[in-house]
Amino acid sequence: MFGRLVYKNISPALYQAAKSCASLQSNTVCRNVIVNSVITRDVHCKAPNVSHVPCRFYSKEATLEDMVVDFQEVKKATSDGKVLIVDVREPEEVKEHGKIPNSINIPLGTVSSALSTMPDAEFERTFQRPKPTEDTEIIFYCMIGKRSGMAQQNAFNLGYKNVKNYLGSWTDWANKTQ
């Protein structure tokens, strides 16, 4: 369900109409938007005597910070061809330290362009993996989890819905696989 209602310069009558409309969720059109790392919903309501009431709701249930994976989930994903594991470190770091099996290297600075403007055929030729769809599970990792969090945010902003961050990243992986 929705969290609290966030509104600005809205009359008490419109507020009540929006509040009741949100609780009923009838005749609503919702659109997910990310604002300050919180997934929000823009809801346009058709309430009695009110043509359209724009209101914004948000829920902490669906934040990107909650979309993280641990070592066991990543280990399982290495043998699942449907999951795309993306290392966002620079190629020199990958050569020096190693990589998680079945992952591809897309440096952080090129993640957005690779996922958005790169043609499907070029993506597949470059990374030997099909270009992900908006529903593909993508796990990002780096050295300690910070850059992978930025890549996750970028991918989400591009419309990818199932993006996860391996917070322990390479450091955790290397410690647990030795």
Protein backbone atom coordinates (compact mmCIF):
# COMPACT_ATOMS: atom_id res chain seq x y z
CA MET A 1 0.00 0.00 0.00
CA PHE A 2 1.06 3.62 -0.23
CA GLY A 3 3.02 5.49 2.39
CA ARG A 4 2.27 9.05 3.37
CA LEU A 5 0.87 11.63 1.01
CA VAL A 6 3.27 14.36 -0.09
CA TYR A 7 1.62 17.50 -1.38
CA LYS A 8 2.29 21.19 -1.97
CA ASN A 9 -0.20 24.03 -2.29
CA ILE A 10 -3.21 21.76 -2.42
CA SER A 11 -6.54 22.79 -0.93
CA PRO A 12 -8.09 20.76 1.91
CA ALA A 13 -10.91 19.63 -0.41
CA LEU A 14 -8.46 18.38 -3.03
CA TYR A 15 -6.38 16.74 -0.32
CA GLN A 16 -9.42 14.81 0.98
CA ALA A 17 -10.42 13.80 -2.55
CA ALA A 18 -6.91 12.61 -3.31
CA LYS A 19 -6.65 10.77 -0.02
CA SER A 20 -9.93 8.93 -0.54
CA CYS A 21 -9.09 8.20 -4.17
CA ALA A 22 -5.72 6.76 -3.18
CA SER A 23 -7.28 4.51 -0.58
CA LEU A 24 -9.87 3.26 -3.08
CA GLN A 25 -7.44 3.22 -5.99
CA SER A 26 -10.40 3.45 -8.36
CA ASN A 27 -10.06 5.26 -11.67
CA THR A 28 -6.38 5.95 -11.03
CA VAL A 29 -3.46 6.05 -13.38
CA CYS A 30 -0.16 5.37 -11.65
CA ARG A 31 3.37 5.97 -12.88
CA ASN A 32 6.47 4.97 -10.91
CA VAL A 33 9.11 7.68 -10.64
CA ILE A 34 12.37 7.73 -8.72
CA VAL A 35 13.09 10.83 -6.66
CA ASN A 36 16.01 10.99 -4.25
CA SER A 37 16.41 7.19 -4.32
CA VAL A 38 12.78 6.60 -3.32
CA ILE A 39 10.32 5.06 -5.71
CA THR A 40 7.26 7.29 -5.89
CA ARG A 41 3.93 7.04 -7.61
CA ASP A 42 2.22 9.88 -9.41
CA VAL A 43 -1.48 9.25 -9.10
CA HIS A 44 -4.14 11.09 -11.06
CA CYS A 45 -7.53 10.61 -9.46
CA LYS A 46 -11.04 11.09 -10.72
CA ALA A 47 -13.01 11.96 -7.61
CA PRO A 48 -16.54 13.42 -7.48
CA ASN A 49 -16.58 17.10 -8.46
CA VAL A 50 -12.83 17.03 -9.14
CA SER A 51 -11.58 16.49 -12.68
CA HIS A 52 -8.01 15.35 -11.97
CA VAL A 53 -6.14 15.53 -8.70
CA PRO A 54 -2.39 15.16 -9.07
CA CYS A 55 -0.86 13.77 -5.91
CA ARG A 56 2.38 12.00 -5.10
CA PHE A 57 2.72 9.02 -2.82
CA TYR A 58 5.82 7.15 -1.83
CA SER A 59 6.69 3.96 -0.07
CA LYS A 60 9.96 3.06 1.61
CA GLU A 61 9.17 -0.57 0.76
CA ALA A 62 10.60 -0.25 -2.74
CA THR A 63 13.80 1.74 -2.41
CA LEU A 64 16.89 0.86 -4.38
CA GLU A 65 18.77 0.54 -1.10
CA ASP A 66 16.56 -2.47 -0.40
CA MET A 67 17.37 -4.08 -3.76
CA VAL A 68 20.65 -5.65 -2.69
CA VAL A 69 22.05 -9.16 -2.93
CA ASP A 70 24.52 -11.08 -0.82
CA PHE A 71 27.25 -13.61 -1.59
CA GLN A 72 24.90 -16.61 -1.74
CA GLU A 73 22.54 -14.91 -4.20
CA VAL A 74 25.42 -13.87 -6.45
CA LYS A 75 26.96 -17.35 -6.29
CA LYS A 76 23.62 -18.83 -7.40
CA ALA A 77 23.30 -16.19 -10.15
CA THR A 78 26.67 -17.18 -11.66
CA SER A 79 25.06 -20.38 -12.96
CA ASP A 80 21.77 -18.75 -14.02
CA GLY A 81 22.00 -17.61 -17.63
CA LYS A 82 18.96 -15.36 -17.21
CA VAL A 83 20.75 -13.11 -14.67
CA LEU A 84 23.21 -10.53 -15.99
CA ILE A 85 26.09 -9.86 -13.59
CA VAL A 86 27.87 -6.61 -14.41
CA ASP A 87 31.28 -5.59 -13.05
CA VAL A 88 31.49 -1.78 -13.22
CA ARG A 89 35.20 -1.51 -12.31
CA GLU A 90 37.78 -0.30 -14.81
CA PRO A 91 39.36 -3.03 -16.98
CA GLU A 92 42.73 -2.59 -15.22
CA GLU A 93 41.10 -3.39 -11.86
CA VAL A 94 39.50 -6.51 -13.29
CA LYS A 95 42.86 -7.69 -14.68
CA GLU A 96 44.60 -7.00 -11.38
CA HIS A 97 42.06 -8.52 -8.99
CA GLY A 98 39.93 -10.95 -11.01
CA LYS A 99 36.20 -11.16 -11.61
CA ILE A 100 33.09 -13.05 -10.60
CA PRO A 101 32.46 -15.98 -12.97
CA ASN A 102 30.08 -15.29 -15.86
CA SER A 103 30.10 -11.54 -15.25
CA ILE A 104 30.69 -8.92 -17.92
CA ASN A 105 32.74 -5.76 -17.50
CA ILE A 106 31.03 -2.47 -18.30
CA PRO A 107 32.92 0.37 -16.57
CA LEU A 108 30.68 2.75 -14.60
CA GLY A 109 31.27 5.61 -17.04
CA THR A 110 29.79 3.60 -19.91
CA VAL A 111 26.96 1.74 -18.16
CA SER A 112 24.26 4.23 -19.15
CA SER A 113 25.22 4.36 -22.81
CA ALA A 114 25.64 0.56 -23.04
CA LEU A 115 22.20 -0.03 -21.54
CA SER A 116 20.40 2.74 -23.41
CA THR A 117 21.84 3.76 -26.76
CA MET A 118 24.03 0.80 -27.71
CA PRO A 119 22.24 -1.28 -30.38
CA ASP A 120 21.27 -4.81 -29.35
CA ALA A 121 23.58 -6.44 -31.92
CA GLU A 122 26.55 -4.33 -30.84
CA PHE A 123 25.89 -5.11 -27.15
CA GLU A 124 25.80 -8.83 -27.91
CA ARG A 125 28.94 -8.63 -30.07
CA THR A 126 30.82 -6.65 -27.39
CA PHE A 127 29.76 -8.59 -24.28
CA GLN A 128 28.79 -12.02 -25.69
CA ARG A 129 25.45 -11.70 -23.88
CA PRO A 130 22.07 -10.47 -25.15
CA LYS A 131 21.25 -6.89 -24.25
CA PRO A 132 19.03 -6.96 -21.15
CA THR A 133 15.36 -6.06 -21.33
CA GLU A 134 13.69 -3.83 -18.76
CA ASP A 135 12.68 -6.94 -16.77
CA THR A 136 16.04 -8.76 -16.87
CA GLU A 137 17.58 -9.30 -13.45
CA ILE A 138 20.84 -7.34 -13.39
CA ILE A 139 23.32 -7.54 -10.51
CA PHE A 140 25.96 -4.81 -10.38
CA TYR A 141 29.21 -5.08 -8.44
CA CYS A 142 32.49 -3.18 -8.15
CA MET A 143 35.22 -3.31 -5.52
CA ILE A 144 33.25 -2.40 -2.38
CA GLY A 145 29.68 -1.65 -3.56
CA LYS A 146 29.70 2.12 -4.04
CA ARG A 147 30.12 2.39 -7.83
CA SER A 148 27.76 -0.54 -8.30
CA GLY A 149 25.14 1.42 -6.38
CA MET A 150 25.57 4.31 -8.81
CA ALA A 151 25.27 1.92 -11.76
CA GLN A 152 22.11 0.47 -10.21
CA GLN A 153 20.63 3.98 -9.91
CA ASN A 154 21.56 4.78 -13.53
CA ALA A 155 19.98 1.56 -14.82
CA PHE A 156 16.84 2.15 -12.80
CA ASN A 157 16.56 5.68 -14.20
CA LEU A 158 16.79 4.17 -17.69
CA GLY A 159 13.75 1.98 -16.99
CA TYR A 160 15.33 -1.27 -15.84
CA LYS A 161 13.11 -2.62 -13.07
CA ASN A 162 15.04 -5.55 -11.60
CA VAL A 163 18.44 -4.05 -10.82
CA LYS A 164 20.35 -5.13 -7.74
CA ASN A 165 23.55 -4.12 -6.00
CA TYR A 166 26.00 -6.61 -4.53
CA LEU A 167 27.04 -4.50 -1.55
CA GLY A 168 30.01 -6.67 -0.60
CA SER A 169 31.12 -6.68 -4.23
CA TRP A 170 34.54 -8.03 -5.23
CA THR A 171 36.01 -7.67 -1.72
CA ASP A 172 33.32 -9.92 -0.23
CA TRP A 173 33.46 -12.36 -3.16
CA ALA A 174 37.24 -12.74 -2.97
CA ASN A 175 37.20 -13.26 0.81
CA LYS A 176 34.52 -15.95 0.62
CA THR A 177 35.92 -17.88 -2.35
CA GLN A 178 39.52 -18.26 -1.14
